């Protein structure tokens, strides 16, 4: 599993990737953000989570800088002990939420993804 961002002709990067970037250009490269560390821009802890999502659920906006360009991602964090400015790395997890708790058939969804873990 990759945490795939797209890089465009003008050097900008988007996550998640979009088929069209600034000026309507197509991506020229993919970047796996899971290979990089990022910095926590801000974070919050949700205590009223959707069914199947852990409670409390700490989320962070993380900024990655790659070749002088920055891109931000939002995601769950592995710990509640987090501060703005902390360095984190994406870590793969099999289940971001409990598959049986939602209204959709568990087999129809991909439950895995990434959480951010302090370095």
PDB file of N, CA and C in Angstrom:
ATOM      1  N   UNK A   1       0.844  -1.164   0.000  1.00  0.00           N
ATOM      2  CA  UNK A   1       0.000   0.000   0.000  1.00  0.00           C
ATOM      3  C   UNK A   1       0.903   1.246   0.000  1.00  0.00           C
ATOM      4  N   UNK A   2       0.516   2.223  -0.794  1.00  0.00           N
ATOM      5  CA  UNK A   2       1.263   3.480  -0.836  1.00  0.00           C
ATOM      6  C   UNK A   2       0.359   4.632  -0.431  1.00  0.00           C
ATOM      7  N   UNK A   3       0.985   5.711  -0.008  1.00  0.00           N
ATOM      8  CA  UNK A   3       0.277   6.959   0.303  1.00  0.00           C
ATOM      9  C   UNK A   3       0.619   7.886  -0.854  1.00  0.00           C
ATOM     10  N   UNK A   4      -0.075   7.701  -1.960  1.00  0.00           N
ATOM     11  CA  UNK A   4       0.311   8.268  -3.246  1.00  0.00           C
ATOM     12  C   UNK A   4      -0.148   9.706  -3.472  1.00  0.00           C
ATOM     13  N   UNK A   5       0.838  10.562  -3.711  1.00  0.00           N
ATOM     14  CA  UNK A   5       0.594  11.949  -4.093  1.00  0.00           C
ATOM     15  C   UNK A   5       1.008  12.102  -5.553  1.00  0.00           C
ATOM     16  N   UNK A   6       0.483  13.123  -6.219  1.00  0.00           N
ATOM     17  CA  UNK A   6       0.836  13.384  -7.613  1.00  0.00           C
ATOM     18  C   UNK A   6       1.650  14.661  -7.719  1.00  0.00           C
ATOM     19  N   UNK A   7       2.663  14.606  -8.571  1.00  0.00           N
ATOM     20  CA  UNK A   7       3.461  15.793  -8.872  1.00  0.00           C
ATOM     21  C   UNK A   7       3.134  16.221 -10.296  1.00  0.00           C
ATOM     22  N   UNK A   8       3.024  17.536 -10.500  1.00  0.00           N
ATOM     23  CA  UNK A   8       2.619  18.083 -11.795  1.00  0.00           C
ATOM     24  C   UNK A   8       3.783  18.818 -12.455  1.00  0.00           C
ATOM     25  N   UNK A   9       3.590  19.124 -13.722  1.00  0.00           N
ATOM     26  CA  UNK A   9       4.624  19.755 -14.543  1.00  0.00           C
ATOM     27  C   UNK A   9       5.222  21.007 -13.899  1.00  0.00           C
ATOM     28  N   UNK A  10       4.404  21.799 -13.220  1.00  0.00           N
ATOM     29  CA  UNK A  10       4.897  23.037 -12.599  1.00  0.00           C
ATOM     30  C   UNK A  10       5.598  22.795 -11.259  1.00  0.00           C
ATOM     31  N   UNK A  11       5.711  21.517 -10.828  1.00  0.00           N
ATOM     32  CA  UNK A  11       6.380  21.181  -9.583  1.00  0.00           C
ATOM     33  C   UNK A  11       5.457  21.036  -8.395  1.00  0.00           C
ATOM     34  N   UNK A  12       4.193  21.461  -8.535  1.00  0.00           N
ATOM     35  CA  UNK A  12       3.261  21.354  -7.418  1.00  0.00           C
ATOM     36  C   UNK A  12       2.915  19.884  -7.155  1.00  0.00           C
ATOM     37  N   UNK A  13       2.509  19.629  -5.927  1.00  0.00           N
ATOM     38  CA  UNK A  13       2.185  18.268  -5.492  1.00  0.00           C
ATOM     39  C   UNK A  13       0.809  18.300  -4.844  1.00  0.00           C
ATOM     40  N   UNK A  14      -0.020  17.284  -5.110  1.00  0.00           N
ATOM     41  CA  UNK A  14      -1.322  17.204  -4.450  1.00  0.00           C
ATOM     42  C   UNK A  14      -1.500  15.838  -3.797  1.00  0.00           C
ATOM     43  N   UNK A  15      -2.161  15.868  -2.653  1.00  0.00           N
ATOM     44  CA  UNK A  15      -2.562  14.643  -1.971  1.00  0.00           C
ATOM     45  C   UNK A  15      -3.952  14.870  -1.412  1.00  0.00           C
ATOM     46  N   UNK A  16      -4.881  14.007  -1.708  1.00  0.00           N
ATOM     47  CA  UNK A  16      -4.707  12.899  -2.640  1.00  0.00           C
ATOM     48  C   UNK A  16      -4.486  13.415  -4.054  1.00  0.00           C
ATOM     49  N   UNK A  17      -3.957  12.549  -4.895  1.00  0.00           N
ATOM     50  CA  UNK A  17      -3.680  12.936  -6.273  1.00  0.00           C
ATOM     51  C   UNK A  17      -4.958  13.230  -7.044  1.00  0.00           C
ATOM     52  N   UNK A  18      -4.863  14.155  -7.967  1.00  0.00           N
ATOM     53  CA  UNK A  18      -5.995  14.518  -8.827  1.00  0.00           C
ATOM     54  C   UNK A  18      -5.570  14.313 -10.281  1.00  0.00           C
ATOM     55  N   UNK A  19      -6.496  13.935 -11.157  1.00  0.00           N
ATOM     56  CA  UNK A  19      -6.132  13.703 -12.551  1.00  0.00           C
ATOM     57  C   UNK A  19      -5.686  14.975 -13.277  1.00  0.00           C
ATOM     58  N   UNK A  20      -6.049  16.129 -12.743  1.00  0.00           N
ATOM     59  CA  UNK A  20      -5.638  17.409 -13.333  1.00  0.00           C
ATOM     60  C   UNK A  20      -5.083  18.300 -12.237  1.00  0.00           C
ATOM     61  N   UNK A  21      -3.953  18.926 -12.522  1.00  0.00           N
ATOM     62  CA  UNK A  21      -3.337  19.831 -11.567  1.00  0.00           C
ATOM     63  C   UNK A  21      -3.554  21.271 -11.970  1.00  0.00           C
ATOM     64  N   UNK A  22      -2.730  22.176 -11.439  1.00  0.00           N
ATOM     65  CA  UNK A  22      -2.846  23.592 -11.794  1.00  0.00           C
ATOM     66  C   UNK A  22      -2.745  23.796 -13.306  1.00  0.00           C
ATOM     67  N   UNK A  23      -3.605  24.612 -13.836  1.00  0.00           N
ATOM     68  CA  UNK A  23      -3.582  24.879 -15.277  1.00  0.00           C
ATOM     69  C   UNK A  23      -4.090  23.718 -16.114  1.00  0.00           C
ATOM     70  N   UNK A  24      -4.673  22.701 -15.469  1.00  0.00           N
ATOM     71  CA  UNK A  24      -5.232  21.575 -16.216  1.00  0.00           C
ATOM     72  C   UNK A  24      -4.225  20.530 -16.648  1.00  0.00           C
ATOM     73  N   UNK A  25      -3.000  20.582 -16.121  1.00  0.00           N
ATOM     74  CA  UNK A  25      -1.982  19.615 -16.534  1.00  0.00           C
ATOM     75  C   UNK A  25      -2.192  18.269 -15.856  1.00  0.00           C
ATOM     76  N   UNK A  26      -1.746  17.225 -16.539  1.00  0.00           N
ATOM     77  CA  UNK A  26      -1.806  15.878 -15.987  1.00  0.00           C
ATOM     78  C   UNK A  26      -0.589  15.648 -15.096  1.00  0.00           C
ATOM     79  N   UNK A  27      -0.687  14.696 -14.160  1.00  0.00           N
ATOM     80  CA  UNK A  27       0.464  14.394 -13.314  1.00  0.00           C
ATOM     81  C   UNK A  27       1.633  13.867 -14.153  1.00  0.00           C
ATOM     82  N   UNK A  28       2.837  14.190 -13.709  1.00  0.00           N
ATOM     83  CA  UNK A  28       4.033  13.698 -14.401  1.00  0.00           C
ATOM     84  C   UNK A  28       4.778  12.663 -13.567  1.00  0.00           C
ATOM     85  N   UNK A  29       4.387  12.534 -12.287  1.00  0.00           N
ATOM     86  CA  UNK A  29       5.098  11.629 -11.395  1.00  0.00           C
ATOM     87  C   UNK A  29       4.227  11.334 -10.183  1.00  0.00           C
ATOM     88  N   UNK A  30       4.416  10.170  -9.577  1.00  0.00           N
ATOM     89  CA  UNK A  30       3.772   9.879  -8.299  1.00  0.00           C
ATOM     90  C   UNK A  30       4.844   9.870  -7.217  1.00  0.00           C
ATOM     91  N   UNK A  31       4.435  10.243  -6.032  1.00  0.00           N
ATOM     92  CA  UNK A  31       5.335  10.282  -4.884  1.00  0.00           C
ATOM     93  C   UNK A  31       4.654   9.522  -3.760  1.00  0.00           C
ATOM     94  N   UNK A  32       5.380   8.588  -3.140  1.00  0.00           N
ATOM     95  CA  UNK A  32       4.847   7.837  -2.011  1.00  0.00           C
ATOM     96  C   UNK A  32       5.196   8.592  -0.730  1.00  0.00           C
ATOM     97  N   UNK A  33       4.208   9.296  -0.168  1.00  0.00           N
ATOM     98  CA  UNK A  33       4.452  10.090   1.040  1.00  0.00           C
ATOM     99  C   UNK A  33       4.856   9.240   2.232  1.00  0.00           C
ATOM    100  N   UNK A  34       4.561   7.934   2.203  1.00  0.00           N
ATOM    101  CA  UNK A  34       4.932   7.067   3.326  1.00  0.00           C
ATOM    102  C   UNK A  34       6.448   6.914   3.448  1.00  0.00           C
ATOM    103  N   UNK A  35       7.192   7.378   2.460  1.00  0.00           N
ATOM    104  CA  UNK A  35       8.651   7.316   2.506  1.00  0.00           C
ATOM    105  C   UNK A  35       9.259   8.584   3.102  1.00  0.00           C
ATOM    106  N   UNK A  36       8.426   9.536   3.549  1.00  0.00           N
ATOM    107  CA  UNK A  36       8.891  10.826   4.045  1.00  0.00           C
ATOM    108  C   UNK A  36       8.395  11.081   5.461  1.00  0.00           C
ATOM    109  N   UNK A  37       9.058  12.003   6.147  1.00  0.00           N
ATOM    110  CA  UNK A  37       8.543  12.492   7.421  1.00  0.00           C
ATOM    111  C   UNK A  37       7.920  13.851   7.158  1.00  0.00           C
ATOM    112  N   UNK A  38       6.957  14.211   7.984  1.00  0.00           N
ATOM    113  CA  UNK A  38       6.284  15.491   7.853  1.00  0.00           C
ATOM    114  C   UNK A  38       6.218  16.187   9.195  1.00  0.00           C
ATOM    115  N   UNK A  39       5.690  17.408   9.193  1.00  0.00           N
ATOM    116  CA  UNK A  39       5.570  18.198  10.413  1.00  0.00           C
ATOM    117  C   UNK A  39       4.106  18.488  10.699  1.00  0.00           C
ATOM    118  N   UNK A  40       3.705  18.300  11.952  1.00  0.00           N
ATOM    119  CA  UNK A  40       2.331  18.561  12.357  1.00  0.00           C
ATOM    120  C   UNK A  40       2.069  20.069  12.296  1.00  0.00           C
ATOM    121  N   UNK A  41       1.094  20.458  11.471  1.00  0.00           N
ATOM    122  CA  UNK A  41       0.694  21.861  11.345  1.00  0.00           C
ATOM    123  C   UNK A  41      -0.310  22.196  12.443  1.00  0.00           C
ATOM    124  N   UNK A  42      -1.268  21.302  12.638  1.00  0.00           N
ATOM    125  CA  UNK A  42      -2.274  21.445  13.688  1.00  0.00           C
ATOM    126  C   UNK A  42      -2.890  20.080  13.929  1.00  0.00           C
ATOM    127  N   UNK A  43      -3.609  19.943  15.034  1.00  0.00           N
ATOM    128  CA  UNK A  43      -4.227  18.665  15.362  1.00  0.00           C
ATOM    129  C   UNK A  43      -5.463  18.909  16.227  1.00  0.00           C
ATOM    130  N   UNK A  44      -6.295  17.895  16.321  1.00  0.00           N
ATOM    131  CA  UNK A  44      -7.478  17.959  17.167  1.00  0.00           C
ATOM    132  C   UNK A  44      -7.832  16.543  17.597  1.00  0.00           C
ATOM    133  N   UNK A  45      -8.598  16.441  18.654  1.00  0.00           N
ATOM    134  CA  UNK A  45      -9.082  15.142  19.110  1.00  0.00           C
ATOM    135  C   UNK A  45     -10.603  15.157  19.073  1.00  0.00           C
ATOM    136  N   UNK A  46     -11.154  14.213  18.326  1.00  0.00           N
ATOM    137  CA  UNK A  46     -12.603  14.062  18.226  1.00  0.00           C
ATOM    138  C   UNK A  46     -13.068  13.058  19.273  1.00  0.00           C
ATOM    139  N   UNK A  47     -14.082  13.441  20.047  1.00  0.00           N
ATOM    140  CA  UNK A  47     -14.644  12.522  21.035  1.00  0.00           C
ATOM    141  C   UNK A  47     -16.009  11.991  20.598  1.00  0.00           C
ATOM    142  N   UNK A  48     -16.532  12.530  19.515  1.00  0.00           N
ATOM    143  CA  UNK A  48     -17.811  12.062  18.965  1.00  0.00           C
ATOM    144  C   UNK A  48     -17.526  11.512  17.579  1.00  0.00           C
ATOM    145  N   UNK A  49     -17.115  10.254  17.533  1.00  0.00           N
ATOM    146  CA  UNK A  49     -16.674   9.650  16.281  1.00  0.00           C
ATOM    147  C   UNK A  49     -17.788   8.845  15.615  1.00  0.00           C
ATOM    148  N   UNK A  50     -17.678   8.624  14.299  1.00  0.00           N
ATOM    149  CA  UNK A  50     -18.657   7.780  13.602  1.00  0.00           C
ATOM    150  C   UNK A  50     -18.566   6.332  14.083  1.00  0.00           C
ATOM    151  N   UNK A  51     -19.594   5.544  13.830  1.00  0.00           N
ATOM    152  CA  UNK A  51     -19.568   4.136  14.236  1.00  0.00           C
ATOM    153  C   UNK A  51     -18.328   3.417  13.693  1.00  0.00           C
ATOM    154  N   UNK A  52     -17.668   2.684  14.572  1.00  0.00           N
ATOM    155  CA  UNK A  52     -16.515   1.895  14.174  1.00  0.00           C
ATOM    156  C   UNK A  52     -15.186   2.616  14.235  1.00  0.00           C
ATOM    157  N   UNK A  53     -15.202   3.937  14.470  1.00  0.00           N
ATOM    158  CA  UNK A  53     -13.965   4.707  14.569  1.00  0.00           C
ATOM    159  C   UNK A  53     -13.607   4.825  16.043  1.00  0.00           C
ATOM    160  N   UNK A  54     -12.336   4.611  16.352  1.00  0.00           N
ATOM    161  CA  UNK A  54     -11.902   4.637  17.752  1.00  0.00           C
ATOM    162  C   UNK A  54     -12.267   5.969  18.423  1.00  0.00           C
ATOM    163  N   UNK A  55     -12.450   5.890  19.722  1.00  0.00           N
ATOM    164  CA  UNK A  55     -12.841   7.077  20.472  1.00  0.00           C
ATOM    165  C   UNK A  55     -12.010   7.162  21.736  1.00  0.00           C
ATOM    166  N   UNK A  56     -11.313   8.261  21.997  1.00  0.00           N
ATOM    167  CA  UNK A  56     -11.188   9.461  21.161  1.00  0.00           C
ATOM    168  C   UNK A  56     -10.319   9.182  19.940  1.00  0.00           C
ATOM    169  N   UNK A  57     -10.432  10.032  18.939  1.00  0.00           N
ATOM    170  CA  UNK A  57      -9.703   9.866  17.684  1.00  0.00           C
ATOM    171  C   UNK A  57      -8.920  11.147  17.397  1.00  0.00           C
ATOM    172  N   UNK A  58      -7.608  11.079  17.555  1.00  0.00           N
ATOM    173  CA  UNK A  58      -6.769  12.247  17.307  1.00  0.00           C
ATOM    174  C   UNK A  58      -6.411  12.299  15.828  1.00  0.00           C
ATOM    175  N   UNK A  59      -6.611  13.476  15.235  1.00  0.00           N
ATOM    176  CA  UNK A  59      -6.331  13.719  13.817  1.00  0.00           C
ATOM    177  C   UNK A  59      -5.320  14.854  13.707  1.00  0.00           C
ATOM    178  N   UNK A  60      -4.494  14.816  12.660  1.00  0.00           N
ATOM    179  CA  UNK A  60      -3.518  15.881  12.446  1.00  0.00           C
ATOM    180  C   UNK A  60      -3.459  16.268  10.978  1.00  0.00           C
ATOM    181  N   UNK A  61      -3.173  17.540  10.738  1.00  0.00           N
ATOM    182  CA  UNK A  61      -2.810  18.004   9.404  1.00  0.00           C
ATOM    183  C   UNK A  61      -1.294  18.044   9.399  1.00  0.00           C
ATOM    184  N   UNK A  62      -0.706  17.329   8.449  1.00  0.00           N
ATOM    185  CA  UNK A  62       0.745  17.166   8.375  1.00  0.00           C
ATOM    186  C   UNK A  62       1.245  17.742   7.062  1.00  0.00           C
ATOM    187  N   UNK A  63       2.327  18.501   7.132  1.00  0.00           N
ATOM    188  CA  UNK A  63       2.919  19.086   5.935  1.00  0.00           C
ATOM    189  C   UNK A  63       4.226  18.361   5.603  1.00  0.00           C
ATOM    190  N   UNK A  64       4.301  17.901   4.365  1.00  0.00           N
ATOM    191  CA  UNK A  64       5.506  17.272   3.833  1.00  0.00           C
ATOM    192  C   UNK A  64       6.175  18.256   2.891  1.00  0.00           C
ATOM    193  N   UNK A  65       7.487  18.331   2.924  1.00  0.00           N
ATOM    194  CA  UNK A  65       8.228  19.169   1.981  1.00  0.00           C
ATOM    195  C   UNK A  65       9.104  18.247   1.142  1.00  0.00           C
ATOM    196  N   UNK A  66       8.871  18.289  -0.172  1.00  0.00           N
ATOM    197  CA  UNK A  66       9.570  17.412  -1.107  1.00  0.00           C
ATOM    198  C   UNK A  66      10.098  18.266  -2.245  1.00  0.00           C
ATOM    199  N   UNK A  67      11.403  18.250  -2.432  1.00  0.00           N
ATOM    200  CA  UNK A  67      12.041  19.044  -3.490  1.00  0.00           C
ATOM    201  C   UNK A  67      11.608  20.510  -3.448  1.00  0.00           C
ATOM    202  N   UNK A  68      11.487  21.067  -2.245  1.00  0.00           N
ATOM    203  CA  UNK A  68      11.124  22.477  -2.098  1.00  0.00           C
ATOM    204  C   UNK A  68       9.638  22.772  -2.201  1.00  0.00           C
ATOM    205  N   UNK A  69       8.834  21.796  -2.524  1.00  0.00           N
ATOM    206  CA  UNK A  69       7.380  21.965  -2.615  1.00  0.00           C
ATOM    207  C   UNK A  69       6.729  21.328  -1.393  1.00  0.00           C
ATOM    208  N   UNK A  70       5.649  21.937  -0.921  1.00  0.00           N
ATOM    209  CA  UNK A  70       4.964  21.363   0.235  1.00  0.00           C
ATOM    210  C   UNK A  70       3.599  20.818  -0.169  1.00  0.00           C
ATOM    211  N   UNK A  71       3.182  19.799   0.565  1.00  0.00           N
ATOM    212  CA  UNK A  71       1.870  19.196   0.377  1.00  0.00           C
ATOM    213  C   UNK A  71       1.378  18.778   1.753  1.00  0.00           C
ATOM    214  N   UNK A  72       0.088  18.938   1.990  1.00  0.00           N
ATOM    215  CA  UNK A  72      -0.484  18.605   3.289  1.00  0.00           C
ATOM    216  C   UNK A  72      -1.433  17.418   3.179  1.00  0.00           C
ATOM    217  N   UNK A  73      -1.499  16.662   4.279  1.00  0.00           N
ATOM    218  CA  UNK A  73      -2.395  15.520   4.373  1.00  0.00           C
ATOM    219  C   UNK A  73      -3.029  15.533   5.753  1.00  0.00           C
ATOM    220  N   UNK A  74      -4.248  15.045   5.837  1.00  0.00           N
ATOM    221  CA  UNK A  74      -4.924  14.918   7.127  1.00  0.00           C
ATOM    222  C   UNK A  74      -5.096  13.436   7.405  1.00  0.00           C
ATOM    223  N   UNK A  75      -4.950  13.065   8.674  1.00  0.00           N
ATOM    224  CA  UNK A  75      -5.123  11.663   9.005  1.00  0.00           C
ATOM    225  C   UNK A  75      -5.113  11.422  10.499  1.00  0.00           C
ATOM    226  N   UNK A  76      -5.443  10.194  10.861  1.00  0.00           N
ATOM    227  CA  UNK A  76      -5.418   9.783  12.251  1.00  0.00           C
ATOM    228  C   UNK A  76      -3.970   9.730  12.741  1.00  0.00           C
ATOM    229  N   UNK A  77      -3.812   9.831  14.059  1.00  0.00           N
ATOM    230  CA  UNK A  77      -2.499   9.768  14.690  1.00  0.00           C
ATOM    231  C   UNK A  77      -2.465   8.542  15.597  1.00  0.00           C
ATOM    232  N   UNK A  78      -1.290   7.952  15.781  1.00  0.00           N
ATOM    233  CA  UNK A  78      -1.162   6.735  16.583  1.00  0.00           C
ATOM    234  C   UNK A  78      -1.216   6.989  18.082  1.00  0.00           C
ATOM    235  N   UNK A  79      -1.130   8.248  18.506  1.00  0.00           N
ATOM    236  CA  UNK A  79      -1.090   8.586  19.924  1.00  0.00           C
ATOM    237  C   UNK A  79      -1.871   9.866  20.187  1.00  0.00           C
ATOM    238  N   UNK A  80      -2.277  10.058  21.437  1.00  0.00           N
ATOM    239  CA  UNK A  80      -2.927  11.309  21.815  1.00  0.00           C
ATOM    240  C   UNK A  80      -1.901  12.317  22.332  1.00  0.00           C
ATOM    241  N   UNK A  81      -0.648  11.896  22.444  1.00  0.00           N
ATOM    242  CA  UNK A  81       0.435  12.747  22.938  1.00  0.00           C
ATOM    243  C   UNK A  81       1.135  13.385  21.740  1.00  0.00           C
ATOM    244  N   UNK A  82       0.643  14.547  21.315  1.00  0.00           N
ATOM    245  CA  UNK A  82       1.095  15.180  20.080  1.00  0.00           C
ATOM    246  C   UNK A  82       1.123  16.686  20.258  1.00  0.00           C
ATOM    247  N   UNK A  83       2.070  17.340  19.620  1.00  0.00           N
ATOM    248  CA  UNK A  83       2.170  18.793  19.669  1.00  0.00           C
ATOM    249  C   UNK A  83       2.366  19.342  18.261  1.00  0.00           C
ATOM    250  N   UNK A  84       1.901  20.556  18.017  1.00  0.00           N
ATOM    251  CA  UNK A  84       2.178  21.241  16.766  1.00  0.00           C
ATOM    252  C   UNK A  84       3.690  21.353  16.611  1.00  0.00           C
ATOM    253  N   UNK A  85       4.190  21.060  15.417  1.00  0.00           N
ATOM    254  CA  UNK A  85       5.622  21.102  15.153  1.00  0.00           C
ATOM    255  C   UNK A  85       6.306  19.750  15.276  1.00  0.00           C
ATOM    256  N   UNK A  86       5.633  18.756  15.849  1.00  0.00           N
ATOM    257  CA  UNK A  86       6.233  17.417  15.951  1.00  0.00           C
ATOM    258  C   UNK A  86       6.492  16.837  14.571  1.00  0.00           C
ATOM    259  N   UNK A  87       7.578  16.065  14.455  1.00  0.00           N
ATOM    260  CA  UNK A  87       7.830  15.320  13.224  1.00  0.00           C
ATOM    261  C   UNK A  87       7.123  13.985  13.321  1.00  0.00           C
ATOM    262  N   UNK A  88       6.462  13.597  12.235  1.00  0.00           N
ATOM    263  CA  UNK A  88       5.735  12.328  12.193  1.00  0.00           C
ATOM    264  C   UNK A  88       6.042  11.613  10.891  1.00  0.00           C
ATOM    265  N   UNK A  89       5.787  10.304  10.912  1.00  0.00           N
ATOM    266  CA  UNK A  89       5.901   9.523   9.684  1.00  0.00           C
ATOM    267  C   UNK A  89       4.630   8.709   9.509  1.00  0.00           C
ATOM    268  N   UNK A  90       4.216   8.506   8.269  1.00  0.00           N
ATOM    269  CA  UNK A  90       3.042   7.676   8.020  1.00  0.00           C
ATOM    270  C   UNK A  90       3.364   6.207   8.288  1.00  0.00           C
ATOM    271  N   UNK A  91       2.478   5.509   8.981  1.00  0.00           N
ATOM    272  CA  UNK A  91       2.616   4.077   9.204  1.00  0.00           C
ATOM    273  C   UNK A  91       1.345   3.393   8.718  1.00  0.00           C
ATOM    274  N   UNK A  92       1.518   2.314   8.003  1.00  0.00           N
ATOM    275  CA  UNK A  92       0.400   1.572   7.429  1.00  0.00           C
ATOM    276  C   UNK A  92      -0.341   0.800   8.516  1.00  0.00           C
ATOM    277  N   UNK A  93      -1.684   0.833   8.443  1.00  0.00           N
ATOM    278  CA  UNK A  93      -2.526   0.059   9.348  1.00  0.00           C
ATOM    279  C   UNK A  93      -3.576  -0.683   8.522  1.00  0.00           C
ATOM    280  N   UNK A  94      -3.947  -1.871   8.999  1.00  0.00           N
ATOM    281  CA  UNK A  94      -4.912  -2.687   8.256  1.00  0.00           C
ATOM    282  C   UNK A  94      -6.333  -2.159   8.362  1.00  0.00           C
ATOM    283  N   UNK A  95      -6.687  -1.577   9.517  1.00  0.00           N
ATOM    284  CA  UNK A  95      -8.052  -1.096   9.716  1.00  0.00           C
ATOM    285  C   UNK A  95      -8.046   0.277  10.382  1.00  0.00           C
ATOM    286  N   UNK A  96      -8.543   1.287   9.661  1.00  0.00           N
ATOM    287  CA  UNK A  96      -8.712   2.607  10.250  1.00  0.00           C
ATOM    288  C   UNK A  96     -10.016   2.691  11.036  1.00  0.00           C
ATOM    289  N   UNK A  97     -10.914   1.768  10.764  1.00  0.00           N
ATOM    290  CA  UNK A  97     -12.174   1.670  11.501  1.00  0.00           C
ATOM    291  C   UNK A  97     -12.633   0.217  11.457  1.00  0.00           C
ATOM    292  N   UNK A  98     -13.544  -0.139  12.322  1.00  0.00           N
ATOM    293  CA  UNK A  98     -14.020  -1.507  12.419  1.00  0.00           C
ATOM    294  C   UNK A  98     -14.989  -1.771  11.262  1.00  0.00           C
ATOM    295  N   UNK A  99     -14.666  -2.739  10.381  1.00  0.00           N
ATOM    296  CA  UNK A  99     -15.468  -2.953   9.167  1.00  0.00           C
ATOM    297  C   UNK A  99     -16.944  -3.280   9.394  1.00  0.00           C
ATOM    298  N   UNK A 100     -17.289  -3.965  10.453  1.00  0.00           N
ATOM    299  CA  UNK A 100     -18.675  -4.367  10.666  1.00  0.00           C
ATOM    300  C   UNK A 100     -19.576  -3.274  11.213  1.00  0.00           C
ATOM    301  N   UNK A 101     -19.027  -2.125  11.579  1.00  0.00           N
ATOM    302  CA  UNK A 101     -19.820  -1.082  12.224  1.00  0.00           C
ATOM    303  C   UNK A 101     -20.521  -0.146  11.242  1.00  0.00           C
ATOM    304  N   UNK A 102     -20.129  -0.147   9.997  1.00  0.00           N
ATOM    305  CA  UNK A 102     -20.722   0.763   9.023  1.00  0.00           C
ATOM    306  C   UNK A 102     -21.968   0.212   8.378  1.00  0.00           C
ATOM    307  N   UNK A 103     -22.569   0.995   7.490  1.00  0.00           N
ATOM    308  CA  UNK A 103     -23.783   0.558   6.815  1.00  0.00           C
ATOM    309  C   UNK A 103     -23.483  -0.185   5.517  1.00  0.00           C
ATOM    310  N   UNK A 104     -22.234  -0.105   5.042  1.00  0.00           N
ATOM    311  CA  UNK A 104     -21.864  -0.787   3.806  1.00  0.00           C
ATOM    312  C   UNK A 104     -21.338  -2.184   4.113  1.00  0.00           C
ATOM    313  N   UNK A 105     -21.401  -3.041   3.108  1.00  0.00           N
ATOM    314  CA  UNK A 105     -20.863  -4.384   3.246  1.00  0.00           C
ATOM    315  C   UNK A 105     -19.355  -4.294   3.453  1.00  0.00           C
ATOM    316  N   UNK A 106     -18.819  -4.921   4.499  1.00  0.00           N
ATOM    317  CA  UNK A 106     -17.382  -4.840   4.770  1.00  0.00           C
ATOM    318  C   UNK A 106     -16.506  -5.234   3.576  1.00  0.00           C
ATOM    319  N   UNK A 107     -16.947  -6.198   2.803  1.00  0.00           N
ATOM    320  CA  UNK A 107     -16.159  -6.670   1.660  1.00  0.00           C
ATOM    321  C   UNK A 107     -16.071  -5.628   0.545  1.00  0.00           C
ATOM    322  N   UNK A 108     -16.959  -4.649   0.568  1.00  0.00           N
ATOM    323  CA  UNK A 108     -16.998  -3.651  -0.505  1.00  0.00           C
ATOM    324  C   UNK A 108     -16.050  -2.476  -0.247  1.00  0.00           C
ATOM    325  N   UNK A 109     -15.395  -2.459   0.902  1.00  0.00           N
ATOM    326  CA  UNK A 109     -14.577  -1.316   1.290  1.00  0.00           C
ATOM    327  C   UNK A 109     -13.124  -1.721   1.530  1.00  0.00           C
ATOM    328  N   UNK A 110     -12.229  -0.770   1.348  1.00  0.00           N
ATOM    329  CA  UNK A 110     -10.838  -0.939   1.747  1.00  0.00           C
ATOM    330  C   UNK A 110     -10.705  -0.248   3.094  1.00  0.00           C
ATOM    331  N   UNK A 111     -10.422  -0.993   4.149  1.00  0.00           N
ATOM    332  CA  UNK A 111     -10.426  -0.463   5.505  1.00  0.00           C
ATOM    333  C   UNK A 111      -9.055   0.013   5.957  1.00  0.00           C
ATOM    334  N   UNK A 112      -8.020  -0.299   5.198  1.00  0.00           N
ATOM    335  CA  UNK A 112      -6.659   0.064   5.574  1.00  0.00           C
ATOM    336  C   UNK A 112      -6.303   1.481   5.173  1.00  0.00           C
ATOM    337  N   UNK A 113      -5.163   1.920   5.646  1.00  0.00           N
ATOM    338  CA  UNK A 113      -4.677   3.250   5.312  1.00  0.00           C
ATOM    339  C   UNK A 113      -3.463   3.591   6.130  1.00  0.00           C
ATOM    340  N   UNK A 114      -3.310   4.868   6.430  1.00  0.00           N
ATOM    341  CA  UNK A 114      -2.145   5.342   7.168  1.00  0.00           C
ATOM    342  C   UNK A 114      -2.560   6.170   8.370  1.00  0.00           C
ATOM    343  N   UNK A 115      -1.789   6.030   9.431  1.00  0.00           N
ATOM    344  CA  UNK A 115      -1.846   6.919  10.588  1.00  0.00           C
ATOM    345  C   UNK A 115      -0.475   7.576  10.694  1.00  0.00           C
ATOM    346  N   UNK A 116      -0.440   8.716  11.362  1.00  0.00           N
ATOM    347  CA  UNK A 116       0.828   9.398  11.583  1.00  0.00           C
ATOM    348  C   UNK A 116       1.368   9.043  12.959  1.00  0.00           C
ATOM    349  N   UNK A 117       2.659   8.727  12.990  1.00  0.00           N
ATOM    350  CA  UNK A 117       3.321   8.347  14.240  1.00  0.00           C
ATOM    351  C   UNK A 117       4.489   9.287  14.503  1.00  0.00           C
ATOM    352  N   UNK A 118       4.570   9.866  15.720  1.00  0.00           N
ATOM    353  CA  UNK A 118       5.710  10.732  16.022  1.00  0.00           C
ATOM    354  C   UNK A 118       7.034   9.995  15.839  1.00  0.00           C
ATOM    355  N   UNK A 119       8.018  10.719  15.324  1.00  0.00           N
ATOM    356  CA  UNK A 119       9.336  10.122  15.062  1.00  0.00           C
ATOM    357  C   UNK A 119      10.137  10.140  16.344  1.00  0.00           C
TER     358      UNK A 119
END
